[in-house]
C-alpha atoms as a PDB file:
ATOM      1  CA  MET A   1       0.000   0.000   0.000  1.00  0.00           C
ATOM      2  CA  ALA A   2       1.479   3.309  -1.095  1.00  0.00           C
ATOM      3  CA  CYS A   3       1.820   6.175   1.355  1.00  0.00           C
ATOM      4  CA  ARG A   4      -0.671   8.276  -0.618  1.00  0.00           C
ATOM      5  CA  GLU A   5      -3.259   5.566   0.178  1.00  0.00           C
ATOM      6  CA  VAL A   6      -2.124   5.083   3.784  1.00  0.00           C
ATOM      7  CA  LEU A   7      -2.295   8.792   4.490  1.00  0.00           C
ATOM      8  CA  SER A   8      -5.200   9.570   2.185  1.00  0.00           C
ATOM      9  CA  GLY A   9      -7.199  12.454   3.604  1.00  0.00           C
ATOM     10  CA  VAL A  10      -4.813  13.020   6.535  1.00  0.00           C
ATOM     11  CA  LYS A  11      -3.867  16.656   7.000  1.00  0.00           C
ATOM     12  CA  VAL A  12      -1.129  18.299   9.027  1.00  0.00           C
ATOM     13  CA  GLU A  13      -3.703  19.616  11.510  1.00  0.00           C
ATOM     14  CA  ASP A  14      -4.689  16.014  12.313  1.00  0.00           C
ATOM     15  CA  VAL A  15      -1.245  15.110  13.673  1.00  0.00           C
ATOM     16  CA  MET A  16       0.483  18.351  14.698  1.00  0.00           C
ATOM     17  CA  LYS A  17       1.399  18.948  18.343  1.00  0.00           C
ATOM     18  CA  PRO A  18       2.068  22.177  20.287  1.00  0.00           C
ATOM     19  CA  CYS A  19       5.416  23.844  19.559  1.00  0.00           C
ATOM     20  CA  SER A  20       6.638  24.025  23.152  1.00  0.00           C
ATOM     21  CA  ILE A  21      10.415  24.108  22.714  1.00  0.00           C
ATOM     22  CA  PHE A  22      11.849  27.198  21.032  1.00  0.00           C
ATOM     23  CA  VAL A  23      13.995  30.291  21.558  1.00  0.00           C
ATOM     24  CA  ALA A  24      13.430  33.989  20.924  1.00  0.00           C
ATOM     25  CA  PRO A  25      15.607  36.241  18.732  1.00  0.00           C
ATOM     26  CA  ASN A  26      16.860  38.157  21.793  1.00  0.00           C
ATOM     27  CA  ASP A  27      17.812  35.019  23.728  1.00  0.00           C
ATOM     28  CA  LEU A  28      21.537  34.427  24.078  1.00  0.00           C
ATOM     29  CA  VAL A  29      23.190  31.652  22.108  1.00  0.00           C
ATOM     30  CA  THR A  30      24.208  30.139  25.449  1.00  0.00           C
ATOM     31  CA  LYS A  31      20.510  29.564  26.196  1.00  0.00           C
ATOM     32  CA  ALA A  32      19.993  27.859  22.823  1.00  0.00           C
ATOM     33  CA  ARG A  33      22.990  25.647  23.549  1.00  0.00           C
ATOM     34  CA  ALA A  34      21.597  24.736  26.968  1.00  0.00           C
ATOM     35  CA  VAL A  35      18.196  23.861  25.488  1.00  0.00           C
ATOM     36  CA  MET A  36      19.835  21.684  22.837  1.00  0.00           C
ATOM     37  CA  ARG A  37      21.899  19.889  25.467  1.00  0.00           C
ATOM     38  CA  SER A  38      18.879  19.195  27.675  1.00  0.00           C
ATOM     39  CA  THR A  39      16.664  17.993  24.825  1.00  0.00           C
ATOM     40  CA  GLY A  40      19.131  16.545  22.322  1.00  0.00           C
ATOM     41  CA  LEU A  41      17.523  18.606  19.551  1.00  0.00           C
ATOM     42  CA  LYS A  42      19.741  19.619  16.646  1.00  0.00           C
ATOM     43  CA  SER A  43      17.683  22.687  15.726  1.00  0.00           C
ATOM     44  CA  LEU A  44      15.261  25.089  17.401  1.00  0.00           C
ATOM     45  CA  PRO A  45      12.536  27.344  15.994  1.00  0.00           C
ATOM     46  CA  VAL A  46      13.100  31.026  16.665  1.00  0.00           C
ATOM     47  CA  ILE A  47       9.763  32.575  17.635  1.00  0.00           C
ATOM     48  CA  ASP A  48       9.117  36.263  18.288  1.00  0.00           C
ATOM     49  CA  ALA A  49       5.753  37.237  19.826  1.00  0.00           C
ATOM     50  CA  GLY A  50       4.188  34.032  18.500  1.00  0.00           C
ATOM     51  CA  ARG A  51       5.501  34.437  14.953  1.00  0.00           C
ATOM     52  CA  LEU A  52       8.159  32.310  13.286  1.00  0.00           C
ATOM     53  CA  SER A  53      11.366  34.293  12.715  1.00  0.00           C
ATOM     54  CA  GLY A  54      13.799  31.558  11.676  1.00  0.00           C
ATOM     55  CA  ILE A  55      15.803  28.585  12.893  1.00  0.00           C
ATOM     56  CA  VAL A  56      19.003  28.097  14.834  1.00  0.00           C
ATOM     57  CA  THR A  57      20.985  24.880  14.383  1.00  0.00           C
ATOM     58  CA  ILE A  58      23.655  23.164  16.452  1.00  0.00           C
ATOM     59  CA  LYS A  59      26.175  23.836  13.691  1.00  0.00           C
ATOM     60  CA  GLU A  60      25.641  27.584  14.034  1.00  0.00           C
ATOM     61  CA  VAL A  61      25.664  27.405  17.839  1.00  0.00           C
ATOM     62  CA  LEU A  62      28.977  25.547  17.897  1.00  0.00           C
ATOM     63  CA  GLN A  63      30.612  28.226  15.786  1.00  0.00           C
ATOM     64  CA  VAL A  64      30.180  30.646  18.698  1.00  0.00           C
ATOM     65  CA  THR A  65      33.135  30.159  21.026  1.00  0.00           C
ATOM     66  CA  SER A  66      32.679  29.787  24.768  1.00  0.00           C
ATOM     67  CA  THR A  67      34.280  33.198  25.351  1.00  0.00           C
ATOM     68  CA  ARG A  68      31.589  35.024  23.325  1.00  0.00           C
ATOM     69  CA  SER A  69      28.657  34.569  25.696  1.00  0.00           C
ATOM     70  CA  ASN A  70      26.795  37.768  24.752  1.00  0.00           C
ATOM     71  CA  ILE A  71      25.826  36.797  21.192  1.00  0.00           C
ATOM     72  CA  ALA A  72      22.056  36.818  20.550  1.00  0.00           C
ATOM     73  CA  VAL A  73      20.228  34.103  18.612  1.00  0.00           C
ATOM     74  CA  SER A  74      19.198  36.723  16.037  1.00  0.00           C
ATOM     75  CA  GLY A  75      22.865  37.065  15.088  1.00  0.00           C
ATOM     76  CA  ILE A  76      23.235  33.462  13.943  1.00  0.00           C
ATOM     77  CA  MET A  77      19.731  32.263  13.000  1.00  0.00           C
ATOM     78  CA  SER A  78      18.790  31.443   9.411  1.00  0.00           C
ATOM     79  CA  PRO A  79      15.487  31.211   7.462  1.00  0.00           C
ATOM     80  CA  TYR A  80      13.446  28.023   7.862  1.00  0.00           C
ATOM     81  CA  ARG A  81      13.863  25.630   4.940  1.00  0.00           C
ATOM     82  CA  LEU A  82      10.413  24.083   5.345  1.00  0.00           C
ATOM     83  CA  VAL A  83       7.180  25.338   6.913  1.00  0.00           C
ATOM     84  CA  ALA A  84       3.772  23.644   6.960  1.00  0.00           C
ATOM     85  CA  THR A  85       0.200  24.891   7.203  1.00  0.00           C
ATOM     86  CA  PRO A  86      -2.657  23.046   8.966  1.00  0.00           C
ATOM     87  CA  GLU A  87      -4.559  22.173   5.784  1.00  0.00           C
ATOM     88  CA  MET A  88      -1.464  20.756   4.044  1.00  0.00           C
ATOM     89  CA  SER A  89      -1.536  17.091   3.001  1.00  0.00           C
ATOM     90  CA  LEU A  90       0.571  15.009   5.387  1.00  0.00           C
ATOM     91  CA  VAL A  91       1.934  12.822   2.599  1.00  0.00           C
ATOM     92  CA  ASN A  92       3.186  15.886   0.724  1.00  0.00           C
ATOM     93  CA  LEU A  93       4.816  17.217   3.873  1.00  0.00           C
ATOM     94  CA  ALA A  94       6.407  13.826   4.580  1.00  0.00           C
ATOM     95  CA  ARG A  95       8.027  13.794   1.146  1.00  0.00           C
ATOM     96  CA  GLN A  96       9.377  17.290   1.642  1.00  0.00           C
ATOM     97  CA  MET A  97      10.721  16.445   5.104  1.00  0.00           C
ATOM     98  CA  VAL A  98      12.711  13.562   3.657  1.00  0.00           C
ATOM     99  CA  GLY A  99      13.849  15.669   0.709  1.00  0.00           C
ATOM    100  CA  HIS A 100      15.027  18.505   2.953  1.00  0.00           C
ATOM    101  CA  GLU A 101      16.440  16.070   5.539  1.00  0.00           C
ATOM    102  CA  VAL A 102      14.543  17.631   8.446  1.00  0.00           C
ATOM    103  CA  SER A 103      12.899  15.752  11.301  1.00  0.00           C
ATOM    104  CA  ASP A 104      10.571  18.469  12.590  1.00  0.00           C
ATOM    105  CA  VAL A 105       8.606  21.230  10.872  1.00  0.00           C
ATOM    106  CA  PRO A 106       6.810  24.220  12.420  1.00  0.00           C
ATOM    107  CA  VAL A 107       3.181  24.743  11.431  1.00  0.00           C
ATOM    108  CA  VAL A 108       2.014  28.316  10.798  1.00  0.00           C
ATOM    109  CA  LYS A 109      -1.485  29.693  10.243  1.00  0.00           C
ATOM    110  CA  GLY A 110      -0.978  30.366   6.544  1.00  0.00           C
ATOM    111  CA  PRO A 111       1.429  31.398   3.777  1.00  0.00           C
ATOM    112  CA  ASN A 112       1.011  35.054   4.740  1.00  0.00           C
ATOM    113  CA  ASP A 113       0.610  34.557   8.487  1.00  0.00           C
ATOM    114  CA  MET A 114       3.675  33.165  10.251  1.00  0.00           C
ATOM    115  CA  THR A 115       1.924  32.738  13.599  1.00  0.00           C
ATOM    116  CA  VAL A 116       3.066  29.358  14.928  1.00  0.00           C
ATOM    117  CA  VAL A 117       0.206  26.965  15.714  1.00  0.00           C
ATOM    118  CA  GLY A 118       2.047  23.653  16.038  1.00  0.00           C
ATOM    119  CA  LEU A 119       4.857  21.310  15.078  1.00  0.00           C
ATOM    120  CA  VAL A 120       5.059  18.068  13.095  1.00  0.00           C
ATOM    121  CA  ARG A 121       7.820  15.542  13.753  1.00  0.00           C
ATOM    122  CA  LEU A 122       8.868  12.654  11.552  1.00  0.00           C
ATOM    123  CA  ASP A 123       7.716  10.316  14.331  1.00  0.00           C
ATOM    124  CA  ASP A 124       4.185  11.671  13.846  1.00  0.00           C
ATOM    125  CA  VAL A 125       4.339  10.526  10.231  1.00  0.00           C
ATOM    126  CA  LEU A 126       5.660   7.082  11.232  1.00  0.00           C
ATOM    127  CA  ALA A 127       2.858   6.714  13.776  1.00  0.00           C
ATOM    128  CA  GLN A 128       0.345   7.233  10.968  1.00  0.00           C
ATOM    129  CA  ILE A 129       2.090   4.704   8.735  1.00  0.00           C
ATOM    130  CA  SER A 130       2.580   2.115  11.501  1.00  0.00           C
ATOM    131  CA  GLY A 131       0.159  -0.782  11.317  1.00  0.00           C
ATOM    132  CA  ARG A 132      -0.987   0.146   7.809  1.00  0.00           C
ATOM    133  CA  ILE A 133       1.883  -1.429   5.910  1.00  0.00           C
ATOM    134  CA  SER A 134       1.588  -5.133   5.233  1.00  0.00           C
ATOM    135  CA  PRO A 135       3.653  -7.324   7.608  1.00  0.00           C
ATOM    136  CA  GLU A 136       4.820  -9.132   4.487  1.00  0.00           C
ATOM    137  CA  ARG A 137       7.074  -6.146   3.874  1.00  0.00           C
ATOM    138  CA  ARG A 138      10.456  -6.829   5.439  1.00  0.00           C
ATOM    139  CA  VAL A 139      13.275  -4.679   6.733  1.00  0.00           C
ATOM    140  CA  GLY A 140      15.578  -6.105   4.057  1.00  0.00           C
ATOM    141  CA  GLU A 141      13.513  -4.381   1.370  1.00  0.00           C
ATOM    142  CA  VAL A 142      14.098  -0.945   2.851  1.00  0.00           C
ATOM    143  CA  MET A 143      17.434  -0.979   4.673  1.00  0.00           C
ATOM    144  CA  VAL A 144      20.562   0.726   3.362  1.00  0.00           C
ATOM    145  CA  THR A 145      23.492  -1.672   2.985  1.00  0.00           C
ATOM    146  CA  ASP A 146      26.307   0.874   2.629  1.00  0.00           C
ATOM    147  CA  VAL A 147      26.649   1.584   6.352  1.00  0.00           C
ATOM    148  CA  VAL A 148      28.929   4.244   7.820  1.00  0.00           C
ATOM    149  CA  THR A 149      30.281   3.007  11.176  1.00  0.00           C
ATOM    150  CA  CYS A 150      32.652   4.004  13.947  1.00  0.00           C
ATOM    151  CA  GLU A 151      34.588   2.309  16.748  1.00  0.00           C
ATOM    152  CA  PRO A 152      34.600   2.843  20.539  1.00  0.00           C
ATOM    153  CA  GLU A 153      38.037   4.519  20.584  1.00  0.00           C
ATOM    154  CA  ASP A 154      37.250   7.055  17.851  1.00  0.00           C
ATOM    155  CA  GLU A 155      37.355  10.702  18.949  1.00  0.00           C
ATOM    156  CA  ILE A 156      33.980  12.441  19.204  1.00  0.00           C
ATOM    157  CA  SER A 157      35.180  15.454  17.192  1.00  0.00           C
ATOM    158  CA  LYS A 158      36.141  13.244  14.248  1.00  0.00           C
ATOM    159  CA  ILE A 159      32.863  11.314  14.412  1.00  0.00           C
ATOM    160  CA  TRP A 160      30.873  14.561  14.515  1.00  0.00           C
ATOM    161  CA  ASP A 161      32.713  15.721  11.394  1.00  0.00           C
ATOM    162  CA  LEU A 162      32.017  12.339   9.771  1.00  0.00           C
ATOM    163  CA  MET A 163      28.302  12.710  10.522  1.00  0.00           C
ATOM    164  CA  GLU A 164      28.336  16.172   8.954  1.00  0.00           C
ATOM    165  CA  LYS A 165      30.190  14.922   5.872  1.00  0.00           C
ATOM    166  CA  THR A 166      27.958  11.889   5.297  1.00  0.00           C
ATOM    167  CA  ASN A 167      24.645  13.419   6.494  1.00  0.00           C
ATOM    168  CA  CYS A 168      24.249  10.530   8.936  1.00  0.00           C
ATOM    169  CA  SER A 169      22.447  11.418  12.162  1.00  0.00           C
ATOM    170  CA  GLY A 170      23.633   8.253  13.872  1.00  0.00           C
ATOM    171  CA  LEU A 171      26.301   5.590  13.452  1.00  0.00           C
ATOM    172  CA  PRO A 172      26.530   1.987  14.642  1.00  0.00           C
ATOM    173  CA  VAL A 173      29.520   1.440  16.910  1.00  0.00           C
ATOM    174  CA  VAL A 174      31.236  -1.761  15.823  1.00  0.00           C
ATOM    175  CA  ARG A 175      34.107  -4.081  16.602  1.00  0.00           C
ATOM    176  CA  TYR A 176      35.585  -6.096  13.760  1.00  0.00           C
ATOM    177  CA  ASP A 177      35.791  -9.825  14.438  1.00  0.00           C
ATOM    178  CA  LYS A 178      38.801 -11.027  12.460  1.00  0.00           C
ATOM    179  CA  ARG A 179      38.028 -14.701  12.989  1.00  0.00           C
ATOM    180  CA  ARG A 180      34.498 -14.416  11.654  1.00  0.00           C
ATOM    181  CA  ARG A 181      35.302 -11.539   9.307  1.00  0.00           C
ATOM    182  CA  SER A 182      32.241  -9.711  10.536  1.00  0.00           C
ATOM    183  CA  ARG A 183      31.297  -6.434  12.226  1.00  0.00           C
ATOM    184  CA  GLN A 184      29.812  -6.926  15.678  1.00  0.00           C
ATOM    185  CA  VAL A 185      27.461  -4.107  16.691  1.00  0.00           C
ATOM    186  CA  LEU A 186      28.278  -2.848  20.192  1.00  0.00           C
ATOM    187  CA  GLY A 187      25.970   0.162  20.334  1.00  0.00           C
ATOM    188  CA  MET A 188      24.833   3.316  18.574  1.00  0.00           C
ATOM    189  CA  ILE A 189      25.927   6.948  18.734  1.00  0.00           C
ATOM    190  CA  THR A 190      23.766   9.798  17.455  1.00  0.00           C
ATOM    191  CA  ARG A 191      24.067  13.545  17.074  1.00  0.00           C
ATOM    192  CA  SER A 192      21.498  13.930  19.850  1.00  0.00           C
ATOM    193  CA  ASP A 193      23.591  11.763  22.199  1.00  0.00           C
ATOM    194  CA  ILE A 194      26.645  13.922  21.509  1.00  0.00           C
ATOM    195  CA  ILE A 195      24.692  17.151  22.008  1.00  0.00           C
ATOM    196  CA  ARG A 196      23.244  15.973  25.336  1.00  0.00           C
ATOM    197  CA  SER A 197      26.655  14.901  26.591  1.00  0.00           C
ATOM    198  CA  GLY A 198      28.246  18.266  25.863  1.00  0.00           C
ATOM    199  CA  THR A 199      31.238  16.532  24.317  1.00  0.00           C
ATOM    200  CA  VAL A 200      30.905  18.504  21.105  1.00  0.00           C
ATOM    201  CA  ARG A 201      32.058  21.595  22.963  1.00  0.00           C
ATOM    202  CA  LEU A 202      34.792  19.608  24.718  1.00  0.00           C
ATOM    203  CA  SER A 203      35.914  18.254  21.372  1.00  0.00           C
ATOM    204  CA  GLU A 204      36.060  21.742  19.898  1.00  0.00           C
ATOM    205  CA  GLU A 205      38.233  22.838  22.810  1.00  0.00           C
ATOM    206  CA  SER A 206      40.422  19.730  22.598  1.00  0.00           C
ATOM    207  CA  ASP A 207      41.169  20.513  18.954  1.00  0.00           C
ATOM    208  CA  LYS A 208      42.647  23.771  20.228  1.00  0.00           C
ATOM    209  CA  GLY A 209      44.900  21.915  22.645  1.00  0.00           C
ATOM    210  CA  ARG A 210      42.974  22.715  25.814  1.00  0.00           C
ATOM    211  CA  PHE A 211      42.248  19.063  26.625  1.00  0.00           C
ATOM    212  CA  LYS A 212      44.949  16.400  26.611  1.00  0.00           C
ATOM    213  CA  SER A 213      42.466  13.518  26.454  1.00  0.00           C
ATOM    214  CA  PRO A 214      39.742  14.208  23.865  1.00  0.00           C
ATOM    215  CA  PRO A 215      36.302  12.581  24.459  1.00  0.00           C
ATOM    216  CA  ARG A 216      35.773   9.266  22.698  1.00  0.00           C
ATOM    217  CA  VAL A 217      32.793   7.376  21.318  1.00  0.00           C
ATOM    218  CA  LYS A 218      32.777   4.806  24.123  1.00  0.00           C
ATOM    219  CA  SER A 219      31.944   7.526  26.663  1.00  0.00           C
ATOM    220  CA  VAL A 220      28.772   8.565  24.822  1.00  0.00           C
ATOM    221  CA  MET A 221      27.450   5.580  22.842  1.00  0.00           C
ATOM    222  CA  ARG A 222      24.250   3.810  23.829  1.00  0.00           C
ATOM    223  CA  THR A 223      24.452   0.143  24.716  1.00  0.00           C
ATOM    224  CA  PRO A 224      23.316  -2.503  24.160  1.00  0.00           C
ATOM    225  CA  ALA A 225      22.545  -2.010  20.498  1.00  0.00           C
ATOM    226  CA  ILE A 226      18.891  -2.262  19.456  1.00  0.00           C
ATOM    227  CA  VAL A 227      18.921  -4.382  16.308  1.00  0.00           C
ATOM    228  CA  VAL A 228      16.611  -6.107  13.851  1.00  0.00           C
ATOM    229  CA  SER A 229      17.198  -8.666  11.125  1.00  0.00           C
ATOM    230  CA  PRO A 230      16.526  -8.331   7.389  1.00  0.00           C
ATOM    231  CA  GLN A 231      13.554 -10.688   7.898  1.00  0.00           C
ATOM    232  CA  THR A 232      11.899  -8.529  10.566  1.00  0.00           C
ATOM    233  CA  PRO A 233       8.443  -7.331   9.417  1.00  0.00           C
ATOM    234  CA  LEU A 234       8.617  -3.627   8.596  1.00  0.00           C
ATOM    235  CA  PRO A 235       5.637  -2.686  10.825  1.00  0.00           C
ATOM    236  CA  ALA A 236       7.390  -4.337  13.799  1.00  0.00           C
ATOM    237  CA  ALA A 237      10.538  -2.293  13.100  1.00  0.00           C
ATOM    238  CA  ILE A 238       8.485   0.931  12.972  1.00  0.00           C
ATOM    239  CA  ASP A 239       6.801   0.100  16.274  1.00  0.00           C
ATOM    240  CA  LEU A 240      10.211  -0.594  17.844  1.00  0.00           C
ATOM    241  CA  MET A 241      11.497   2.804  16.712  1.00  0.00           C
ATOM    242  CA  LEU A 242       8.479   4.575  18.159  1.00  0.00           C
ATOM    243  CA  GLU A 243       8.609   2.612  21.407  1.00  0.00           C
ATOM    244  CA  LYS A 244      12.323   3.223  21.985  1.00  0.00           C
ATOM    245  CA  LYS A 245      12.172   6.777  20.584  1.00  0.00           C
ATOM    246  CA  ILE A 246      15.067   6.167  18.218  1.00  0.00           C
ATOM    247  CA  GLY A 247      15.628   7.235  14.633  1.00  0.00           C
ATOM    248  CA  ARG A 248      17.488   4.232  13.263  1.00  0.00           C
ATOM    249  CA  LEU A 249      18.058   0.514  13.751  1.00  0.00           C
ATOM    250  CA  ALA A 250      21.138  -1.550  12.980  1.00  0.00           C
ATOM    251  CA  VAL A 251      20.292  -4.580  10.848  1.00  0.00           C
ATOM    252  CA  VAL A 252      22.182  -7.722  11.804  1.00  0.00           C
ATOM    253  CA  SER A 253      22.312 -11.188  10.240  1.00  0.00           C
ATOM    254  CA  GLU A 254      24.138 -14.030  12.013  1.00  0.00           C
ATOM    255  CA  GLY A 255      25.994 -11.542  14.188  1.00  0.00           C
ATOM    256  CA  ASP A 256      27.192  -9.413  11.262  1.00  0.00           C
ATOM    257  CA  LEU A 257      26.117  -5.847  10.482  1.00  0.00           C
ATOM    258  CA  VAL A 258      24.434  -5.932   7.066  1.00  0.00           C
ATOM    259  CA  GLY A 259      22.484  -2.677   6.953  1.00  0.00           C
ATOM    260  CA  ILE A 260      20.792   0.212   8.711  1.00  0.00           C
ATOM    261  CA  LEU A 261      17.151   1.302   8.733  1.00  0.00           C
ATOM    262  CA  SER A 262      16.209   4.925   9.399  1.00  0.00           C
ATOM    263  CA  ARG A 263      12.926   6.804   9.728  1.00  0.00           C
ATOM    264  CA  SER A 264      13.662   8.583   6.451  1.00  0.00           C
ATOM    265  CA  ASP A 265      14.224   5.250   4.683  1.00  0.00           C
ATOM    266  CA  ILE A 266      10.773   4.090   5.792  1.00  0.00           C
ATOM    267  CA  VAL A 267       8.989   7.291   4.770  1.00  0.00           C
ATOM    268  CA  ARG A 268      10.833   7.329   1.436  1.00  0.00           C
ATOM    269  CA  PHE A 269       9.856   3.687   0.829  1.00  0.00           C
ATOM    270  CA  ALA A 270       6.221   4.233   1.742  1.00  0.00           C
ATOM    271  CA  CYS A 271       5.836   7.475  -0.161  1.00  0.00           C
ATOM    272  CA  GLY A 272       7.778   6.537  -3.276  1.00  0.00           C
END
């Protein structure tokens, strides 16, 4: 069943939730950084008197050094790449979210009225799709097999740069088994995990020689790894993502990493 059939008649207003986490243009960048660390969010809407002004991302926040604590959000924010309206078709929004590689979209009253009335997250789209795709569909049909990985001893700063370069929001942490010639999945590390830990800032400082022992993946990664197999029914994998509140699953066969399944992969598959 195609996504246009699954989500037929569903509008943004049917799934949107209140936009409760945001910053104002006059807030200091240090506040935005603190909010990102406490929530794990990679971007925040900038709202002024109820109206959408722009967006501030972790990349922009990290460019402000720790010694410049008086910089306002308005000085680094950028225009929003994607905005929804309540009457918009959810399937059309889902396609645009995947195309723009964004996981949350603010909802405004209309094209000419930027008053914020809600927010749609990619999880909201998955929740609509869950249970409506045939269990005959398997993870192996959707997973990506060219998997970018990292190891426990890798430095956080290098892994963050790798995520930026490859547009991967999370990486499986693996150990190579020479005897079996396979990659054993030990855990997962995501941008949100790194943001919450504060090690991005520590890594930035360590690159300047202020820290002799730079933070490493093993200090941040989540264990044990939550995995599925290529034969796992796709609806079961979606439900697992929603239950665990995670954006990707490592796919393992006979102890070897064979792929990765992300929320975007599922939406792209369903809406193609």
